[in-house]
PDB file of N, CA and C in Angstrom:
ATOM      1  N   MET A   1     -92.185 -46.453  49.324  1.00  0.00           N
ATOM      2  CA  MET A   1     -90.701 -46.721  49.859  1.00  0.00           C
ATOM      3  C   MET A   1     -90.272 -45.614  50.671  1.00  0.00           C
ATOM      4  N   THR A   2     -89.539 -45.806  51.900  1.00  0.00           N
ATOM      5  CA  THR A   2     -89.232 -44.872  52.750  1.00  0.00           C
ATOM      6  C   THR A   2     -87.540 -44.424  52.479  1.00  0.00           C
ATOM      7  N   GLU A   3     -87.377 -43.210  52.206  1.00  0.00           N
ATOM      8  CA  GLU A   3     -86.130 -42.547  51.986  1.00  0.00           C
ATOM      9  C   GLU A   3     -85.272 -42.336  53.109  1.00  0.00           C
ATOM     10  N   LEU A   4     -84.119 -42.736  53.135  1.00  0.00           N
ATOM     11  CA  LEU A   4     -83.245 -42.688  54.042  1.00  0.00           C
ATOM     12  C   LEU A   4     -82.618 -41.369  54.288  1.00  0.00           C
ATOM     13  N   PRO A   5     -82.344 -40.436  55.427  1.00  0.00           N
ATOM     14  CA  PRO A   5     -81.697 -39.073  55.182  1.00  0.00           C
ATOM     15  C   PRO A   5     -80.075 -39.663  54.795  1.00  0.00           C
ATOM     16  N   CYS A   6     -79.769 -39.240  54.031  1.00  0.00           N
ATOM     17  CA  CYS A   6     -78.190 -39.237  53.659  1.00  0.00           C
ATOM     18  C   CYS A   6     -77.544 -38.121  54.416  1.00  0.00           C
ATOM     19  N   SER A   7     -76.384 -38.523  55.185  1.00  0.00           N
ATOM     20  CA  SER A   7     -75.680 -37.938  56.009  1.00  0.00           C
ATOM     21  C   SER A   7     -74.362 -38.139  55.689  1.00  0.00           C
ATOM     22  N   LEU A   8     -74.181 -38.614  54.487  1.00  0.00           N
ATOM     23  CA  LEU A   8     -72.507 -38.755  53.965  1.00  0.00           C
ATOM     24  C   LEU A   8     -72.338 -37.555  53.281  1.00  0.00           C
ATOM     25  N   LYS A   9     -70.941 -36.876  53.607  1.00  0.00           N
ATOM     26  CA  LYS A   9     -70.279 -36.064  53.347  1.00  0.00           C
ATOM     27  C   LYS A   9     -69.480 -36.156  52.415  1.00  0.00           C
ATOM     28  N   LEU A  10     -68.771 -35.400  51.315  1.00  0.00           N
ATOM     29  CA  LEU A  10     -67.838 -35.442  50.355  1.00  0.00           C
ATOM     30  C   LEU A  10     -66.587 -34.770  51.311  1.00  0.00           C
ATOM     31  N   VAL A  11     -65.437 -35.685  51.451  1.00  0.00           N
ATOM     32  CA  VAL A  11     -64.437 -35.043  52.176  1.00  0.00           C
ATOM     33  C   VAL A  11     -63.407 -34.901  51.134  1.00  0.00           C
ATOM     34  N   GLU A  12     -62.626 -33.798  50.834  1.00  0.00           N
ATOM     35  CA  GLU A  12     -61.627 -33.438  50.176  1.00  0.00           C
ATOM     36  C   GLU A  12     -60.337 -34.061  50.484  1.00  0.00           C
ATOM     37  N   ARG A  13     -59.703 -34.898  49.604  1.00  0.00           N
ATOM     38  CA  ARG A  13     -58.630 -35.515  50.023  1.00  0.00           C
ATOM     39  C   ARG A  13     -57.080 -34.769  49.057  1.00  0.00           C
ATOM     40  N   PRO A  14     -56.311 -34.751  49.812  1.00  0.00           N
ATOM     41  CA  PRO A  14     -55.015 -34.481  49.023  1.00  0.00           C
ATOM     42  C   PRO A  14     -54.400 -35.370  47.755  1.00  0.00           C
ATOM     43  N   PRO A  15     -53.849 -34.718  46.771  1.00  0.00           N
ATOM     44  CA  PRO A  15     -53.679 -35.821  45.796  1.00  0.00           C
ATOM     45  C   PRO A  15     -52.910 -36.801  46.357  1.00  0.00           C
ATOM     46  N   LEU A  16     -52.649 -37.982  45.685  1.00  0.00           N
ATOM     47  CA  LEU A  16     -51.755 -39.008  46.243  1.00  0.00           C
ATOM     48  C   LEU A  16     -50.377 -38.629  45.943  1.00  0.00           C
ATOM     49  N   ILE A  17     -50.124 -38.301  44.559  1.00  0.00           N
ATOM     50  CA  ILE A  17     -48.789 -37.576  44.079  1.00  0.00           C
ATOM     51  C   ILE A  17     -48.939 -36.290  44.058  1.00  0.00           C
ATOM     52  N   GLU A  18     -48.018 -35.320  44.717  1.00  0.00           N
ATOM     53  CA  GLU A  18     -48.087 -33.866  44.829  1.00  0.00           C
ATOM     54  C   GLU A  18     -47.547 -33.634  43.389  1.00  0.00           C
ATOM     55  N   ILE A  19     -47.963 -32.788  42.794  1.00  0.00           N
ATOM     56  CA  ILE A  19     -47.717 -32.276  41.595  1.00  0.00           C
ATOM     57  C   ILE A  19     -46.692 -31.253  41.718  1.00  0.00           C
ATOM     58  N   MET A  20     -45.751 -31.312  41.063  1.00  0.00           N
ATOM     59  CA  MET A  20     -44.652 -30.198  41.140  1.00  0.00           C
ATOM     60  C   MET A  20     -44.740 -28.986  40.057  1.00  0.00           C
ATOM     61  N   SER A  21     -44.339 -27.904  40.463  1.00  0.00           N
ATOM     62  CA  SER A  21     -44.555 -27.096  39.133  1.00  0.00           C
ATOM     63  C   SER A  21     -43.191 -27.241  38.247  1.00  0.00           C
ATOM     64  N   GLN A  22     -42.997 -26.460  37.194  1.00  0.00           N
ATOM     65  CA  GLN A  22     -42.200 -26.421  36.494  1.00  0.00           C
ATOM     66  C   GLN A  22     -40.554 -25.893  37.460  1.00  0.00           C
ATOM     67  N   THR A  23     -40.986 -24.820  37.995  1.00  0.00           N
ATOM     68  CA  THR A  23     -39.889 -24.032  38.689  1.00  0.00           C
ATOM     69  C   THR A  23     -39.486 -24.877  39.784  1.00  0.00           C
ATOM     70  N   GLU A  24     -40.408 -25.807  40.428  1.00  0.00           N
ATOM     71  CA  GLU A  24     -39.918 -26.512  41.445  1.00  0.00           C
ATOM     72  C   GLU A  24     -39.053 -28.004  41.243  1.00  0.00           C
ATOM     73  N   ILE A  25     -39.439 -28.317  39.859  1.00  0.00           N
ATOM     74  CA  ILE A  25     -38.910 -29.519  39.471  1.00  0.00           C
ATOM     75  C   ILE A  25     -37.314 -29.175  39.148  1.00  0.00           C
ATOM     76  N   GLN A  26     -37.298 -27.912  38.403  1.00  0.00           N
ATOM     77  CA  GLN A  26     -35.841 -27.591  37.894  1.00  0.00           C
ATOM     78  C   GLN A  26     -35.111 -26.952  39.265  1.00  0.00           C
ATOM     79  N   GLN A  27     -35.742 -26.563  40.388  1.00  0.00           N
ATOM     80  CA  GLN A  27     -34.823 -26.194  41.480  1.00  0.00           C
ATOM     81  C   GLN A  27     -34.430 -27.458  42.076  1.00  0.00           C
ATOM     82  N   THR A  28     -35.098 -28.443  42.081  1.00  0.00           N
ATOM     83  CA  THR A  28     -34.882 -29.779  42.643  1.00  0.00           C
ATOM     84  C   THR A  28     -33.882 -30.313  41.860  1.00  0.00           C
ATOM     85  N   ILE A  29     -33.555 -30.411  40.654  1.00  0.00           N
ATOM     86  CA  ILE A  29     -32.660 -30.913  39.827  1.00  0.00           C
ATOM     87  C   ILE A  29     -31.378 -29.747  39.873  1.00  0.00           C
ATOM     88  N   ALA A  30     -31.446 -28.744  40.007  1.00  0.00           N
ATOM     89  CA  ALA A  30     -30.194 -27.730  40.165  1.00  0.00           C
ATOM     90  C   ALA A  30     -29.671 -28.039  41.675  1.00  0.00           C
ATOM     91  N   SER A  31     -30.712 -28.885  42.409  1.00  0.00           N
ATOM     92  CA  SER A  31     -30.037 -28.987  43.815  1.00  0.00           C
ATOM     93  C   SER A  31     -28.848 -30.313  43.929  1.00  0.00           C
ATOM     94  N   PHE A  32     -29.023 -30.892  43.034  1.00  0.00           N
ATOM     95  CA  PHE A  32     -28.247 -32.203  42.828  1.00  0.00           C
ATOM     96  C   PHE A  32     -26.859 -31.856  43.096  1.00  0.00           C
ATOM     97  N   THR A  33     -25.993 -32.464  43.634  1.00  0.00           N
ATOM     98  CA  THR A  33     -24.649 -32.414  43.501  1.00  0.00           C
ATOM     99  C   THR A  33     -23.654 -33.419  42.868  1.00  0.00           C
ATOM    100  N   SER A  34     -24.891 -34.401  42.702  1.00  0.00           N
ATOM    101  CA  SER A  34     -24.088 -35.592  41.639  1.00  0.00           C
ATOM    102  C   SER A  34     -25.314 -36.402  40.867  1.00  0.00           C
ATOM    103  N   ILE A  35     -24.710 -37.054  39.844  1.00  0.00           N
ATOM    104  CA  ILE A  35     -25.511 -37.496  39.014  1.00  0.00           C
ATOM    105  C   ILE A  35     -26.189 -38.539  39.752  1.00  0.00           C
ATOM    106  N   GLU A  36     -25.751 -39.355  40.809  1.00  0.00           N
ATOM    107  CA  GLU A  36     -26.093 -40.432  41.649  1.00  0.00           C
ATOM    108  C   GLU A  36     -27.485 -40.138  42.601  1.00  0.00           C
ATOM    109  N   GLN A  37     -27.207 -38.878  43.072  1.00  0.00           N
ATOM    110  CA  GLN A  37     -28.639 -38.049  43.831  1.00  0.00           C
ATOM    111  C   GLN A  37     -29.652 -38.246  42.782  1.00  0.00           C
ATOM    112  N   ALA A  38     -29.239 -37.775  41.356  1.00  0.00           N
ATOM    113  CA  ALA A  38     -30.579 -37.395  40.536  1.00  0.00           C
ATOM    114  C   ALA A  38     -31.489 -39.058  40.371  1.00  0.00           C
ATOM    115  N   LEU A  39     -30.271 -39.904  39.954  1.00  0.00           N
ATOM    116  CA  LEU A  39     -30.981 -41.132  39.851  1.00  0.00           C
ATOM    117  C   LEU A  39     -31.686 -41.832  41.120  1.00  0.00           C
ATOM    118  N   GLU A  40     -31.387 -41.770  42.063  1.00  0.00           N
ATOM    119  CA  GLU A  40     -31.637 -42.080  43.051  1.00  0.00           C
ATOM    120  C   GLU A  40     -33.194 -41.334  43.269  1.00  0.00           C
ATOM    121  N   TYR A  41     -33.055 -39.794  43.077  1.00  0.00           N
ATOM    122  CA  TYR A  41     -34.582 -39.204  43.384  1.00  0.00           C
ATOM    123  C   TYR A  41     -35.359 -39.771  42.239  1.00  0.00           C
ATOM    124  N   PHE A  42     -35.099 -40.012  41.239  1.00  0.00           N
ATOM    125  CA  PHE A  42     -36.021 -40.456  40.008  1.00  0.00           C
ATOM    126  C   PHE A  42     -36.231 -42.052  39.989  1.00  0.00           C
ATOM    127  N   GLU A  43     -35.452 -42.672  41.053  1.00  0.00           N
ATOM    128  CA  GLU A  43     -35.722 -43.996  41.278  1.00  0.00           C
ATOM    129  C   GLU A  43     -35.342 -44.705  40.407  1.00  0.00           C
ATOM    130  N   ILE A  44     -34.072 -44.605  39.464  1.00  0.00           N
ATOM    131  CA  ILE A  44     -33.935 -45.457  38.618  1.00  0.00           C
ATOM    132  C   ILE A  44     -32.180 -46.042  38.730  1.00  0.00           C
ATOM    133  N   ASP A  45     -32.412 -47.835  38.683  1.00  0.00           N
ATOM    134  CA  ASP A  45     -31.161 -48.453  39.223  1.00  0.00           C
ATOM    135  C   ASP A  45     -30.177 -47.998  38.153  1.00  0.00           C
ATOM    136  N   PHE A  46     -29.013 -48.159  38.800  1.00  0.00           N
ATOM    137  CA  PHE A  46     -27.848 -47.983  37.891  1.00  0.00           C
ATOM    138  C   PHE A  46     -26.678 -48.842  38.158  1.00  0.00           C
ATOM    139  N   ASP A  47     -25.572 -48.864  37.709  1.00  0.00           N
ATOM    140  CA  ASP A  47     -24.473 -49.522  37.684  1.00  0.00           C
ATOM    141  C   ASP A  47     -23.509 -48.586  38.282  1.00  0.00           C
ATOM    142  N   SER A  48     -22.929 -48.533  39.473  1.00  0.00           N
ATOM    143  CA  SER A  48     -21.600 -47.520  39.884  1.00  0.00           C
ATOM    144  C   SER A  48     -20.532 -47.795  38.981  1.00  0.00           C
ATOM    145  N   ARG A  49     -20.301 -48.678  38.588  1.00  0.00           N
ATOM    146  CA  ARG A  49     -19.167 -49.001  37.907  1.00  0.00           C
ATOM    147  C   ARG A  49     -19.418 -47.860  36.326  1.00  0.00           C
ATOM    148  N   PHE A  50     -20.590 -48.323  35.909  1.00  0.00           N
ATOM    149  CA  PHE A  50     -20.904 -47.487  34.478  1.00  0.00           C
ATOM    150  C   PHE A  50     -20.897 -46.015  34.865  1.00  0.00           C
ATOM    151  N   ILE A  51     -21.759 -45.586  35.896  1.00  0.00           N
ATOM    152  CA  ILE A  51     -21.344 -44.278  36.293  1.00  0.00           C
ATOM    153  C   ILE A  51     -19.830 -43.528  36.473  1.00  0.00           C
ATOM    154  N   ASN A  52     -19.233 -44.168  37.334  1.00  0.00           N
ATOM    155  CA  ASN A  52     -17.553 -43.903  37.548  1.00  0.00           C
ATOM    156  C   ASN A  52     -17.085 -43.699  35.905  1.00  0.00           C
ATOM    157  N   GLU A  53     -17.600 -44.319  35.111  1.00  0.00           N
ATOM    158  CA  GLU A  53     -16.756 -44.415  33.871  1.00  0.00           C
ATOM    159  C   GLU A  53     -17.144 -43.571  32.827  1.00  0.00           C
ATOM    160  N   TYR A  54     -18.419 -43.303  32.948  1.00  0.00           N
ATOM    161  CA  TYR A  54     -19.530 -42.369  31.866  1.00  0.00           C
ATOM    162  C   TYR A  54     -19.821 -41.332  32.381  1.00  0.00           C
ATOM    163  N   ARG A  55     -19.531 -40.809  33.800  1.00  0.00           N
ATOM    164  CA  ARG A  55     -20.283 -39.754  34.407  1.00  0.00           C
ATOM    165  C   ARG A  55     -20.403 -38.549  33.430  1.00  0.00           C
ATOM    166  N   THR A  56     -19.447 -38.130  32.975  1.00  0.00           N
ATOM    167  CA  THR A  56     -19.386 -36.545  31.913  1.00  0.00           C
ATOM    168  C   THR A  56     -20.243 -36.797  31.118  1.00  0.00           C
ATOM    169  N   GLN A  57     -20.252 -37.967  30.090  1.00  0.00           N
ATOM    170  CA  GLN A  57     -21.386 -38.133  29.240  1.00  0.00           C
ATOM    171  C   GLN A  57     -22.668 -38.290  29.792  1.00  0.00           C
ATOM    172  N   LEU A  58     -22.701 -38.761  30.756  1.00  0.00           N
ATOM    173  CA  LEU A  58     -24.224 -38.981  31.227  1.00  0.00           C
ATOM    174  C   LEU A  58     -24.578 -37.647  31.513  1.00  0.00           C
ATOM    175  N   VAL A  59     -23.886 -36.785  32.436  1.00  0.00           N
ATOM    176  CA  VAL A  59     -24.153 -35.651  32.678  1.00  0.00           C
ATOM    177  C   VAL A  59     -24.566 -34.625  31.325  1.00  0.00           C
ATOM    178  N   LYS A  60     -23.766 -34.661  30.660  1.00  0.00           N
ATOM    179  CA  LYS A  60     -23.750 -33.562  29.481  1.00  0.00           C
ATOM    180  C   LYS A  60     -25.054 -33.929  28.560  1.00  0.00           C
ATOM    181  N   ARG A  61     -25.419 -35.267  28.412  1.00  0.00           N
ATOM    182  CA  ARG A  61     -26.714 -35.710  28.082  1.00  0.00           C
ATOM    183  C   ARG A  61     -28.232 -35.446  28.721  1.00  0.00           C
ATOM    184  N   PHE A  62     -27.883 -35.509  29.954  1.00  0.00           N
ATOM    185  CA  PHE A  62     -28.756 -35.298  30.568  1.00  0.00           C
ATOM    186  C   PHE A  62     -29.269 -33.677  30.501  1.00  0.00           C
ATOM    187  N   ASN A  63     -28.076 -32.971  30.783  1.00  0.00           N
ATOM    188  CA  ASN A  63     -28.422 -31.397  30.590  1.00  0.00           C
ATOM    189  C   ASN A  63     -28.812 -31.105  29.434  1.00  0.00           C
ATOM    190  N   GLY A  64     -28.578 -31.829  28.378  1.00  0.00           N
ATOM    191  CA  GLY A  64     -28.772 -31.450  26.964  1.00  0.00           C
ATOM    192  C   GLY A  64     -30.444 -31.878  26.999  1.00  0.00           C
ATOM    193  N   TYR A  65     -30.804 -32.716  27.136  1.00  0.00           N
ATOM    194  CA  TYR A  65     -32.161 -33.113  27.108  1.00  0.00           C
ATOM    195  C   TYR A  65     -33.046 -32.106  28.026  1.00  0.00           C
ATOM    196  N   LEU A  66     -32.617 -31.610  29.045  1.00  0.00           N
ATOM    197  CA  LEU A  66     -33.198 -30.593  29.925  1.00  0.00           C
ATOM    198  C   LEU A  66     -33.156 -29.563  29.370  1.00  0.00           C
ATOM    199  N   ILE A  67     -32.430 -28.710  28.533  1.00  0.00           N
ATOM    200  CA  ILE A  67     -32.419 -27.908  27.809  1.00  0.00           C
ATOM    201  C   ILE A  67     -33.367 -27.898  26.594  1.00  0.00           C
ATOM    202  N   ILE A  68     -33.236 -29.116  25.937  1.00  0.00           N
ATOM    203  CA  ILE A  68     -34.214 -29.029  24.601  1.00  0.00           C
ATOM    204  C   ILE A  68     -35.801 -29.127  24.906  1.00  0.00           C
ATOM    205  N   ALA A  69     -35.914 -29.916  26.312  1.00  0.00           N
ATOM    206  CA  ALA A  69     -37.229 -29.926  26.517  1.00  0.00           C
ATOM    207  C   ALA A  69     -37.341 -29.762  27.904  1.00  0.00           C
ATOM    208  N   LYS A  70     -38.001 -28.468  28.512  1.00  0.00           N
ATOM    209  CA  LYS A  70     -38.051 -28.169  30.317  1.00  0.00           C
ATOM    210  C   LYS A  70     -39.055 -29.128  30.358  1.00  0.00           C
ATOM    211  N   PRO A  71     -38.866 -29.783  31.742  1.00  0.00           N
ATOM    212  CA  PRO A  71     -39.594 -30.908  32.288  1.00  0.00           C
ATOM    213  C   PRO A  71     -40.613 -30.134  32.948  1.00  0.00           C
ATOM    214  N   ASP A  72     -42.069 -30.766  32.897  1.00  0.00           N
ATOM    215  CA  ASP A  72     -42.949 -30.117  33.500  1.00  0.00           C
ATOM    216  C   ASP A  72     -43.232 -30.385  34.711  1.00  0.00           C
ATOM    217  N   ASP A  73     -42.911 -31.825  34.861  1.00  0.00           N
ATOM    218  CA  ASP A  73     -43.109 -32.173  36.186  1.00  0.00           C
ATOM    219  C   ASP A  73     -42.159 -33.477  36.394  1.00  0.00           C
ATOM    220  N   TRP A  74     -42.337 -34.296  37.508  1.00  0.00           N
ATOM    221  CA  TRP A  74     -41.246 -35.222  37.822  1.00  0.00           C
ATOM    222  C   TRP A  74     -41.253 -36.485  36.899  1.00  0.00           C
ATOM    223  N   PHE A  75     -42.430 -36.684  36.170  1.00  0.00           N
ATOM    224  CA  PHE A  75     -42.485 -37.739  34.804  1.00  0.00           C
ATOM    225  C   PHE A  75     -41.283 -37.389  34.021  1.00  0.00           C
ATOM    226  N   SER A  76     -41.593 -36.183  33.619  1.00  0.00           N
ATOM    227  CA  SER A  76     -40.719 -35.606  32.379  1.00  0.00           C
ATOM    228  C   SER A  76     -39.327 -35.829  32.660  1.00  0.00           C
ATOM    229  N   ALA A  77     -39.187 -35.330  33.890  1.00  0.00           N
ATOM    230  CA  ALA A  77     -37.862 -35.221  34.514  1.00  0.00           C
ATOM    231  C   ALA A  77     -36.915 -36.329  34.319  1.00  0.00           C
ATOM    232  N   ARG A  78     -37.882 -37.425  34.958  1.00  0.00           N
ATOM    233  CA  ARG A  78     -37.461 -38.584  35.286  1.00  0.00           C
ATOM    234  C   ARG A  78     -37.114 -39.646  33.831  1.00  0.00           C
ATOM    235  N   ARG A  79     -38.062 -39.099  32.743  1.00  0.00           N
ATOM    236  CA  ARG A  79     -37.776 -39.729  31.422  1.00  0.00           C
ATOM    237  C   ARG A  79     -36.775 -38.910  30.550  1.00  0.00           C
ATOM    238  N   ALA A  80     -36.279 -38.046  30.812  1.00  0.00           N
ATOM    239  CA  ALA A  80     -34.817 -37.050  30.145  1.00  0.00           C
ATOM    240  C   ALA A  80     -33.696 -37.742  30.794  1.00  0.00           C
ATOM    241  N   LEU A  81     -33.796 -38.199  32.256  1.00  0.00           N
ATOM    242  CA  LEU A  81     -32.760 -38.869  32.690  1.00  0.00           C
ATOM    243  C   LEU A  81     -32.605 -40.350  32.460  1.00  0.00           C
ATOM    244  N   LYS A  82     -33.555 -40.778  32.072  1.00  0.00           N
ATOM    245  CA  LYS A  82     -33.824 -42.547  31.451  1.00  0.00           C
ATOM    246  C   LYS A  82     -33.078 -42.316  30.477  1.00  0.00           C
ATOM    247  N   ASN A  83     -33.560 -41.429  29.748  1.00  0.00           N
ATOM    248  CA  ASN A  83     -33.390 -41.539  27.647  1.00  0.00           C
ATOM    249  C   ASN A  83     -31.895 -41.254  27.942  1.00  0.00           C
ATOM    250  N   ALA A  84     -31.237 -40.507  28.735  1.00  0.00           N
ATOM    251  CA  ALA A  84     -29.960 -39.935  28.855  1.00  0.00           C
ATOM    252  C   ALA A  84     -28.964 -41.074  28.872  1.00  0.00           C
ATOM    253  N   TYR A  85     -29.220 -42.145  30.204  1.00  0.00           N
ATOM    254  CA  TYR A  85     -28.946 -43.312  30.528  1.00  0.00           C
ATOM    255  C   TYR A  85     -28.716 -44.045  29.467  1.00  0.00           C
ATOM    256  N   CYS A  86     -29.901 -44.501  28.939  1.00  0.00           N
ATOM    257  CA  CYS A  86     -30.008 -45.302  27.865  1.00  0.00           C
ATOM    258  C   CYS A  86     -29.136 -45.007  26.624  1.00  0.00           C
ATOM    259  N   LYS A  87     -29.140 -43.870  26.291  1.00  0.00           N
ATOM    260  CA  LYS A  87     -28.546 -43.205  24.776  1.00  0.00           C
ATOM    261  C   LYS A  87     -27.032 -43.634  25.277  1.00  0.00           C
ATOM    262  N   VAL A  88     -26.747 -43.080  26.664  1.00  0.00           N
ATOM    263  CA  VAL A  88     -24.979 -43.442  26.720  1.00  0.00           C
ATOM    264  C   VAL A  88     -24.692 -45.237  26.652  1.00  0.00           C
ATOM    265  N   GLN A  89     -25.478 -45.818  27.161  1.00  0.00           N
ATOM    266  CA  GLN A  89     -25.696 -47.282  27.379  1.00  0.00           C
ATOM    267  C   GLN A  89     -25.481 -48.103  25.861  1.00  0.00           C
ATOM    268  N   ARG A  90     -26.365 -47.367  24.980  1.00  0.00           N
ATOM    269  CA  ARG A  90     -26.644 -47.857  23.639  1.00  0.00           C
ATOM    270  C   ARG A  90     -25.053 -47.571  23.084  1.00  0.00           C
ATOM    271  N   GLY A  91     -24.732 -46.241  23.139  1.00  0.00           N
ATOM    272  CA  GLY A  91     -23.434 -45.945  22.413  1.00  0.00           C
ATOM    273  C   GLY A  91     -21.921 -46.827  22.665  1.00  0.00           C
ATOM    274  N   ARG A  92     -22.327 -47.557  23.627  1.00  0.00           N
ATOM    275  CA  ARG A  92     -21.376 -48.461  23.987  1.00  0.00           C
ATOM    276  C   ARG A  92     -21.292 -49.611  23.252  1.00  0.00           C
ATOM    277  N   LEU A  93     -22.560 -49.648  22.306  1.00  0.00           N
ATOM    278  CA  LEU A  93     -23.014 -51.187  21.605  1.00  0.00           C
ATOM    279  C   LEU A  93     -22.205 -51.058  20.343  1.00  0.00           C
ATOM    280  N   ASP A  94     -21.607 -52.180  19.943  1.00  0.00           N
ATOM    281  CA  ASP A  94     -20.666 -52.037  18.307  1.00  0.00           C
ATOM    282  C   ASP A  94     -22.084 -51.849  17.354  1.00  0.00           C
ATOM    283  N   PRO A  95     -21.783 -50.859  16.492  1.00  0.00           N
ATOM    284  CA  PRO A  95     -22.635 -50.129  15.565  1.00  0.00           C
ATOM    285  C   PRO A  95     -23.184 -51.335  14.394  1.00  0.00           C
ATOM    286  N   HIS A  96     -21.948 -52.155  14.238  1.00  0.00           N
ATOM    287  CA  HIS A  96     -22.163 -52.786  13.005  1.00  0.00           C
ATOM    288  C   HIS A  96     -23.176 -54.497  13.876  1.00  0.00           C
ATOM    289  N   SER A  97     -23.172 -54.675  14.492  1.00  0.00           N
ATOM    290  CA  SER A  97     -23.843 -56.074  15.246  1.00  0.00           C
ATOM    291  C   SER A  97     -25.234 -55.552  15.379  1.00  0.00           C
ATOM    292  N   ARG A  98     -26.033 -56.729  15.708  1.00  0.00           N
ATOM    293  CA  ARG A  98     -27.581 -56.438  16.087  1.00  0.00           C
ATOM    294  C   ARG A  98     -27.639 -56.655  17.586  1.00  0.00           C
ATOM    295  N   SER A  99     -26.381 -56.566  18.429  1.00  0.00           N
ATOM    296  CA  SER A  99     -26.756 -56.789  19.863  1.00  0.00           C
ATOM    297  C   SER A  99     -27.736 -55.779  20.262  1.00  0.00           C
ATOM    298  N   ALA A 100     -28.458 -56.499  21.366  1.00  0.00           N
ATOM    299  CA  ALA A 100     -29.652 -55.845  21.907  1.00  0.00           C
ATOM    300  C   ALA A 100     -29.020 -55.195  23.203  1.00  0.00           C
ATOM    301  N   CYS A 101     -29.424 -53.933  23.575  1.00  0.00           N
ATOM    302  CA  CYS A 101     -29.373 -53.399  24.591  1.00  0.00           C
ATOM    303  C   CYS A 101     -29.451 -54.030  26.030  1.00  0.00           C
ATOM    304  N   ARG A 102     -28.461 -54.092  26.933  1.00  0.00           N
ATOM    305  CA  ARG A 102     -28.848 -54.805  28.052  1.00  0.00           C
ATOM    306  C   ARG A 102     -28.270 -54.290  29.112  1.00  0.00           C
ATOM    307  N   GLY A 103     -28.177 -52.818  29.107  1.00  0.00           N
ATOM    308  CA  GLY A 103     -27.528 -51.926  29.872  1.00  0.00           C
ATOM    309  C   GLY A 103     -28.403 -51.856  31.335  1.00  0.00           C
ATOM    310  N   CYS A 104     -29.457 -50.931  31.050  1.00  0.00           N
ATOM    311  CA  CYS A 104     -30.582 -50.923  32.245  1.00  0.00           C
ATOM    312  C   CYS A 104     -31.285 -51.655  32.410  1.00  0.00           C
ATOM    313  N   THR A 105     -31.652 -51.830  33.701  1.00  0.00           N
ATOM    314  CA  THR A 105     -32.786 -53.273  33.889  1.00  0.00           C
ATOM    315  C   THR A 105     -34.300 -52.576  33.611  1.00  0.00           C
ATOM    316  N   SER A 106     -34.079 -51.214  33.318  1.00  0.00           N
ATOM    317  CA  SER A 106     -35.884 -50.889  32.880  1.00  0.00           C
ATOM    318  C   SER A 106     -35.739 -50.468  31.659  1.00  0.00           C
ATOM    319  N   CYS A 107     -34.833 -51.175  30.758  1.00  0.00           N
ATOM    320  CA  CYS A 107     -34.919 -50.443  29.107  1.00  0.00           C
ATOM    321  C   CYS A 107     -35.911 -51.181  28.561  1.00  0.00           C
ATOM    322  N   GLN A 108     -36.856 -50.089  27.973  1.00  0.00           N
ATOM    323  CA  GLN A 108     -37.988 -50.663  26.935  1.00  0.00           C
ATOM    324  C   GLN A 108     -37.623 -50.987  25.781  1.00  0.00           C
ATOM    325  N   ARG A 109     -36.037 -50.730  25.070  1.00  0.00           N
ATOM    326  CA  ARG A 109     -35.855 -51.123  24.074  1.00  0.00           C
ATOM    327  C   ARG A 109     -35.295 -52.742  23.979  1.00  0.00           C
ATOM    328  N   ARG A 110     -35.300 -53.335  25.210  1.00  0.00           N
ATOM    329  CA  ARG A 110     -35.003 -54.946  25.168  1.00  0.00           C
ATOM    330  C   ARG A 110     -35.569 -55.656  24.330  1.00  0.00           C
TER     331      ARG A 110
END
């Protein structure tokens, strides 16, 4: 059996998703001037009427989640914002009924 010369070289590629450090993600979050910017940055669909009505509550909840658990990366910061949005949405439901959460399009509690 004849051996073929191997001329293939491994080429280093940049990662598909650039990993942000904890300080970079915190600086990015601090640079937002509105909650809509944060929702768009983290690719979360939202209802503008809901945001206009519950803006203060949503911002407070999001900031609270960021204080409790400092986000390590884009995904953990996105999770904090999604959880805040969902918590405010679920807070609008009647606590004595068994109605389902149907506010956010990507809710995992539906």
